[in-house]
Amino acid sequence: MSKKLIFWILCFLFSFFGFYLIEHLFTVNPHVTSGNGNLGILVIFLFTPVFITSWVYTFKLVKAKIVKDGKMTIGILLFSLAGCVLLMIEMNDYTIELINALGGTPDNPESRIYRFGWFNQYTNSLYFNVYTFFLTHFITVILGILSAMRRTKIY
C-alpha cells in the first residue's frame, strides 16, 4: 500500500469521525432544552481542514487511479450517481422527520427552533450526518471521474 493511499484512508476515517461527532455529540435532541448555544460550530471549524483534505485526496485518488479502465469507470460513475439519488431521498426523509420532531420550522412560534434560524444546536445533524458525508464523497468521485475523462479524452 502506498503512502498516499494510507493518508487518504486516514483522512477519510478522521473526516467520518468529525461528521459523527457533530451529528451525535454536538446536536441536541429535539426533546431536550438547550441554552448553551451551538457548541458544534467549534468542532465544525476544527474539522473543516480535515473535511477539505479528505475531499481533495478523494478527488486526486479517483482522477489518478480509477479512470485507467473504461468499463470500471462507467460502472463507478453510475454507482456514484445512483448513490447520490438514494442519499438525497434519504436526506429529504431525515429532514422532514427532524423538522416534525422539532415542531416546525424556525418561522413557527410552536417550534423548538423558533427564531434560531436553520443553523443551530438542534439542526447540526441536518448538515453533518452520514448521508451528507457519503453524498459529498460521491460527488467528489463523480467530479474526479469527469475531470479525468475530460483530461484523457477517452469518451
C-alpha atoms as a PDB file:
ATOM      1  CA  MET A   1       0.000   0.000   0.000  1.00  0.00           C
ATOM      2  CA  SER A   2       1.336   3.420  -0.927  1.00  0.00           C
ATOM      3  CA  LYS A   3       1.708   6.291   1.497  1.00  0.00           C
ATOM      4  CA  LYS A   4      -0.858   8.335  -0.434  1.00  0.00           C
ATOM      5  CA  LEU A   5      -3.463   5.589  -0.088  1.00  0.00           C
ATOM      6  CA  ILE A   6      -2.792   5.244   3.641  1.00  0.00           C
ATOM      7  CA  PHE A   7      -3.025   9.026   4.052  1.00  0.00           C
ATOM      8  CA  TRP A   8      -6.326   9.059   2.125  1.00  0.00           C
ATOM      9  CA  ILE A   9      -7.733   6.266   4.314  1.00  0.00           C
ATOM     10  CA  LEU A  10      -6.733   8.142   7.471  1.00  0.00           C
ATOM     11  CA  CYS A  11      -8.227  11.425   6.191  1.00  0.00           C
ATOM     12  CA  PHE A  12     -11.407   9.627   5.142  1.00  0.00           C
ATOM     13  CA  LEU A  13     -11.801   7.971   8.561  1.00  0.00           C
ATOM     14  CA  PHE A  14     -10.934  11.128  10.501  1.00  0.00           C
ATOM     15  CA  SER A  15     -13.397  13.095   8.364  1.00  0.00           C
ATOM     16  CA  PHE A  16     -16.088  10.493   9.054  1.00  0.00           C
ATOM     17  CA  PHE A  17     -15.271  10.776  12.763  1.00  0.00           C
ATOM     18  CA  GLY A  18     -15.807  14.565  12.535  1.00  0.00           C
ATOM     19  CA  PHE A  19     -19.203  14.120  10.886  1.00  0.00           C
ATOM     20  CA  TYR A  20     -20.101  11.519  13.524  1.00  0.00           C
ATOM     21  CA  LEU A  21     -19.081  13.827  16.391  1.00  0.00           C
ATOM     22  CA  ILE A  22     -21.090  16.732  15.037  1.00  0.00           C
ATOM     23  CA  GLU A  23     -24.145  14.572  14.376  1.00  0.00           C
ATOM     24  CA  HIS A  24     -24.205  12.589  17.615  1.00  0.00           C
ATOM     25  CA  LEU A  25     -22.430  14.670  20.264  1.00  0.00           C
ATOM     26  CA  PHE A  26     -22.998  18.266  19.205  1.00  0.00           C
ATOM     27  CA  THR A  27     -26.592  18.098  18.033  1.00  0.00           C
ATOM     28  CA  VAL A  28     -29.188  18.484  20.761  1.00  0.00           C
ATOM     29  CA  ASN A  29     -32.129  16.072  20.626  1.00  0.00           C
ATOM     30  CA  PRO A  30     -35.495  17.716  19.879  1.00  0.00           C
ATOM     31  CA  HIS A  31     -36.975  16.763  23.268  1.00  0.00           C
ATOM     32  CA  VAL A  32     -34.081  18.349  25.241  1.00  0.00           C
ATOM     33  CA  THR A  33     -33.943  22.049  26.111  1.00  0.00           C
ATOM     34  CA  SER A  34     -30.612  23.652  25.278  1.00  0.00           C
ATOM     35  CA  GLY A  35     -29.432  27.008  26.458  1.00  0.00           C
ATOM     36  CA  ASN A  36     -25.735  26.734  25.705  1.00  0.00           C
ATOM     37  CA  GLY A  37     -25.785  27.840  22.081  1.00  0.00           C
ATOM     38  CA  ASN A  38     -24.258  25.902  19.231  1.00  0.00           C
ATOM     39  CA  LEU A  39     -21.035  24.336  20.501  1.00  0.00           C
ATOM     40  CA  GLY A  40     -20.915  22.211  17.361  1.00  0.00           C
ATOM     41  CA  ILE A  41     -19.728  25.209  15.386  1.00  0.00           C
ATOM     42  CA  LEU A  42     -16.374  24.981  17.161  1.00  0.00           C
ATOM     43  CA  VAL A  43     -15.971  21.355  16.099  1.00  0.00           C
ATOM     44  CA  ILE A  44     -17.045  22.260  12.566  1.00  0.00           C
ATOM     45  CA  PHE A  45     -14.304  24.898  12.366  1.00  0.00           C
ATOM     46  CA  LEU A  46     -11.734  22.470  13.776  1.00  0.00           C
ATOM     47  CA  PHE A  47     -12.646  19.689  11.344  1.00  0.00           C
ATOM     48  CA  THR A  48     -13.095  21.847   8.220  1.00  0.00           C
ATOM     49  CA  PRO A  49      -9.458  21.350   7.093  1.00  0.00           C
ATOM     50  CA  VAL A  50      -9.892  17.587   7.555  1.00  0.00           C
ATOM     51  CA  PHE A  51     -13.098  17.574   5.510  1.00  0.00           C
ATOM     52  CA  ILE A  52     -11.468  19.551   2.702  1.00  0.00           C
ATOM     53  CA  THR A  53      -8.350  17.356   2.745  1.00  0.00           C
ATOM     54  CA  SER A  54     -10.485  14.241   2.539  1.00  0.00           C
ATOM     55  CA  TRP A  55     -12.387  15.597  -0.472  1.00  0.00           C
ATOM     56  CA  VAL A  56      -9.190  16.737  -2.222  1.00  0.00           C
ATOM     57  CA  TYR A  57      -7.453  13.396  -1.718  1.00  0.00           C
ATOM     58  CA  THR A  58     -10.573  11.507  -2.834  1.00  0.00           C
ATOM     59  CA  PHE A  59     -10.637  13.633  -5.995  1.00  0.00           C
ATOM     60  CA  LYS A  60      -6.931  13.066  -6.674  1.00  0.00           C
ATOM     61  CA  LEU A  61      -7.137   9.328  -5.982  1.00  0.00           C
ATOM     62  CA  VAL A  62     -10.094   8.878  -8.314  1.00  0.00           C
ATOM     63  CA  LYS A  63      -8.521  11.027 -11.002  1.00  0.00           C
ATOM     64  CA  ALA A  64      -5.233   9.105 -10.867  1.00  0.00           C
ATOM     65  CA  LYS A  65      -6.362   5.510 -10.287  1.00  0.00           C
ATOM     66  CA  ILE A  66      -9.948   4.833 -11.289  1.00  0.00           C
ATOM     67  CA  VAL A  67     -10.040   6.069 -14.875  1.00  0.00           C
ATOM     68  CA  LYS A  68      -7.493   3.538 -16.158  1.00  0.00           C
ATOM     69  CA  ASP A  69     -10.221   1.005 -17.056  1.00  0.00           C
ATOM     70  CA  GLY A  70     -13.119   2.380 -19.144  1.00  0.00           C
ATOM     71  CA  LYS A  71     -15.794  -0.138 -18.075  1.00  0.00           C
ATOM     72  CA  MET A  72     -14.905   0.186 -14.417  1.00  0.00           C
ATOM     73  CA  THR A  73     -15.002   3.980 -14.752  1.00  0.00           C
ATOM     74  CA  ILE A  74     -18.529   3.945 -16.192  1.00  0.00           C
ATOM     75  CA  GLY A  75     -19.621   1.457 -13.503  1.00  0.00           C
ATOM     76  CA  ILE A  76     -18.264   3.602 -10.687  1.00  0.00           C
ATOM     77  CA  LEU A  77     -19.791   6.718 -12.254  1.00  0.00           C
ATOM     78  CA  LEU A  78     -23.227   5.090 -12.486  1.00  0.00           C
ATOM     79  CA  PHE A  79     -22.916   3.692  -8.946  1.00  0.00           C
ATOM     80  CA  SER A  80     -21.987   7.141  -7.643  1.00  0.00           C
ATOM     81  CA  LEU A  81     -24.876   8.813  -9.457  1.00  0.00           C
ATOM     82  CA  ALA A  82     -27.339   6.217  -8.134  1.00  0.00           C
ATOM     83  CA  GLY A  83     -25.846   6.628  -4.662  1.00  0.00           C
ATOM     84  CA  CYS A  84     -26.350  10.397  -4.869  1.00  0.00           C
ATOM     85  CA  VAL A  85     -30.011   9.997  -5.800  1.00  0.00           C
ATOM     86  CA  LEU A  86     -30.664   7.497  -2.996  1.00  0.00           C
ATOM     87  CA  LEU A  87     -28.813   9.620  -0.434  1.00  0.00           C
ATOM     88  CA  MET A  88     -30.800  12.718  -1.412  1.00  0.00           C
ATOM     89  CA  ILE A  89     -34.050  10.794  -0.953  1.00  0.00           C
ATOM     90  CA  GLU A  90     -32.897   9.640   2.497  1.00  0.00           C
ATOM     91  CA  MET A  91     -31.726  13.147   3.405  1.00  0.00           C
ATOM     92  CA  ASN A  92     -35.141  14.542   2.463  1.00  0.00           C
ATOM     93  CA  ASP A  93     -36.891  11.983   4.680  1.00  0.00           C
ATOM     94  CA  TYR A  94     -34.457  12.689   7.524  1.00  0.00           C
ATOM     95  CA  THR A  95     -35.011  16.452   7.218  1.00  0.00           C
ATOM     96  CA  ILE A  96     -38.793  16.120   7.265  1.00  0.00           C
ATOM     97  CA  GLU A  97     -38.597  13.801  10.264  1.00  0.00           C
ATOM     98  CA  LEU A  98     -36.343  16.202  12.217  1.00  0.00           C
ATOM     99  CA  ILE A  99     -38.469  19.255  11.398  1.00  0.00           C
ATOM    100  CA  ASN A 100     -41.566  17.399  12.589  1.00  0.00           C
ATOM    101  CA  ALA A 101     -39.769  16.346  15.798  1.00  0.00           C
ATOM    102  CA  LEU A 102     -38.763  19.976  16.400  1.00  0.00           C
ATOM    103  CA  GLY A 103     -42.349  21.127  15.983  1.00  0.00           C
ATOM    104  CA  GLY A 104     -41.813  23.018  12.751  1.00  0.00           C
ATOM    105  CA  THR A 105     -39.502  25.450  11.040  1.00  0.00           C
ATOM    106  CA  PRO A 106     -37.765  28.474  12.617  1.00  0.00           C
ATOM    107  CA  ASP A 107     -40.732  30.641  11.494  1.00  0.00           C
ATOM    108  CA  ASN A 108     -43.231  28.635  13.539  1.00  0.00           C
ATOM    109  CA  PRO A 109     -43.758  30.020  17.091  1.00  0.00           C
ATOM    110  CA  GLU A 110     -44.596  26.482  18.288  1.00  0.00           C
ATOM    111  CA  SER A 111     -41.235  25.136  17.120  1.00  0.00           C
ATOM    112  CA  ARG A 112     -38.313  24.420  19.402  1.00  0.00           C
ATOM    113  CA  ILE A 113     -36.078  26.315  16.943  1.00  0.00           C
ATOM    114  CA  TYR A 114     -38.307  29.387  16.685  1.00  0.00           C
ATOM    115  CA  ARG A 115     -36.122  32.423  15.845  1.00  0.00           C
ATOM    116  CA  PHE A 116     -32.912  30.329  15.915  1.00  0.00           C
ATOM    117  CA  GLY A 117     -32.547  30.100  12.157  1.00  0.00           C
ATOM    118  CA  TRP A 118     -31.674  26.948  10.260  1.00  0.00           C
ATOM    119  CA  PHE A 119     -28.163  26.522  11.670  1.00  0.00           C
ATOM    120  CA  ASN A 120     -28.325  25.888  15.409  1.00  0.00           C
ATOM    121  CA  GLN A 121     -27.633  23.234  18.059  1.00  0.00           C
ATOM    122  CA  TYR A 122     -30.787  21.321  17.098  1.00  0.00           C
ATOM    123  CA  THR A 123     -30.118  21.229  13.348  1.00  0.00           C
ATOM    124  CA  ASN A 124     -26.386  20.447  13.103  1.00  0.00           C
ATOM    125  CA  SER A 125     -27.331  16.930  12.081  1.00  0.00           C
ATOM    126  CA  LEU A 126     -29.181  18.276   9.024  1.00  0.00           C
ATOM    127  CA  TYR A 127     -25.837  19.328   7.559  1.00  0.00           C
ATOM    128  CA  PHE A 128     -23.395  16.887   9.150  1.00  0.00           C
ATOM    129  CA  ASN A 129     -24.656  13.319   9.043  1.00  0.00           C
ATOM    130  CA  VAL A 130     -23.809  10.020   7.386  1.00  0.00           C
ATOM    131  CA  TYR A 131     -25.897  10.908   4.334  1.00  0.00           C
ATOM    132  CA  THR A 132     -24.123  14.200   3.676  1.00  0.00           C
ATOM    133  CA  PHE A 133     -20.736  12.615   4.342  1.00  0.00           C
ATOM    134  CA  PHE A 134     -21.223   9.961   1.678  1.00  0.00           C
ATOM    135  CA  LEU A 135     -23.036  12.355  -0.662  1.00  0.00           C
ATOM    136  CA  THR A 136     -20.096  14.762  -0.655  1.00  0.00           C
ATOM    137  CA  HIS A 137     -17.678  11.918  -1.317  1.00  0.00           C
ATOM    138  CA  PHE A 138     -19.838  10.509  -4.127  1.00  0.00           C
ATOM    139  CA  ILE A 139     -19.961  13.967  -5.710  1.00  0.00           C
ATOM    140  CA  THR A 140     -16.188  14.219  -5.355  1.00  0.00           C
ATOM    141  CA  VAL A 141     -15.806  10.821  -7.069  1.00  0.00           C
ATOM    142  CA  ILE A 142     -18.089  11.953  -9.902  1.00  0.00           C
ATOM    143  CA  LEU A 143     -16.110  15.175 -10.349  1.00  0.00           C
ATOM    144  CA  GLY A 144     -12.817  13.249 -10.270  1.00  0.00           C
ATOM    145  CA  ILE A 145     -14.017  10.828 -12.945  1.00  0.00           C
ATOM    146  CA  LEU A 146     -15.383  13.603 -15.152  1.00  0.00           C
ATOM    147  CA  SER A 147     -12.175  15.584 -14.763  1.00  0.00           C
ATOM    148  CA  ALA A 148     -10.031  12.579 -15.672  1.00  0.00           C
ATOM    149  CA  MET A 149     -12.279  11.700 -18.616  1.00  0.00           C
ATOM    150  CA  ARG A 150     -12.018  15.263 -19.893  1.00  0.00           C
ATOM    151  CA  ARG A 151      -8.254  15.282 -19.430  1.00  0.00           C
ATOM    152  CA  THR A 152      -7.655  11.965 -21.191  1.00  0.00           C
ATOM    153  CA  LYS A 153     -10.457  12.479 -23.769  1.00  0.00           C
ATOM    154  CA  ILE A 154     -11.318   8.764 -23.567  1.00  0.00           C
ATOM    155  CA  TYR A 155     -15.052   9.209 -24.110  1.00  0.00           C
END
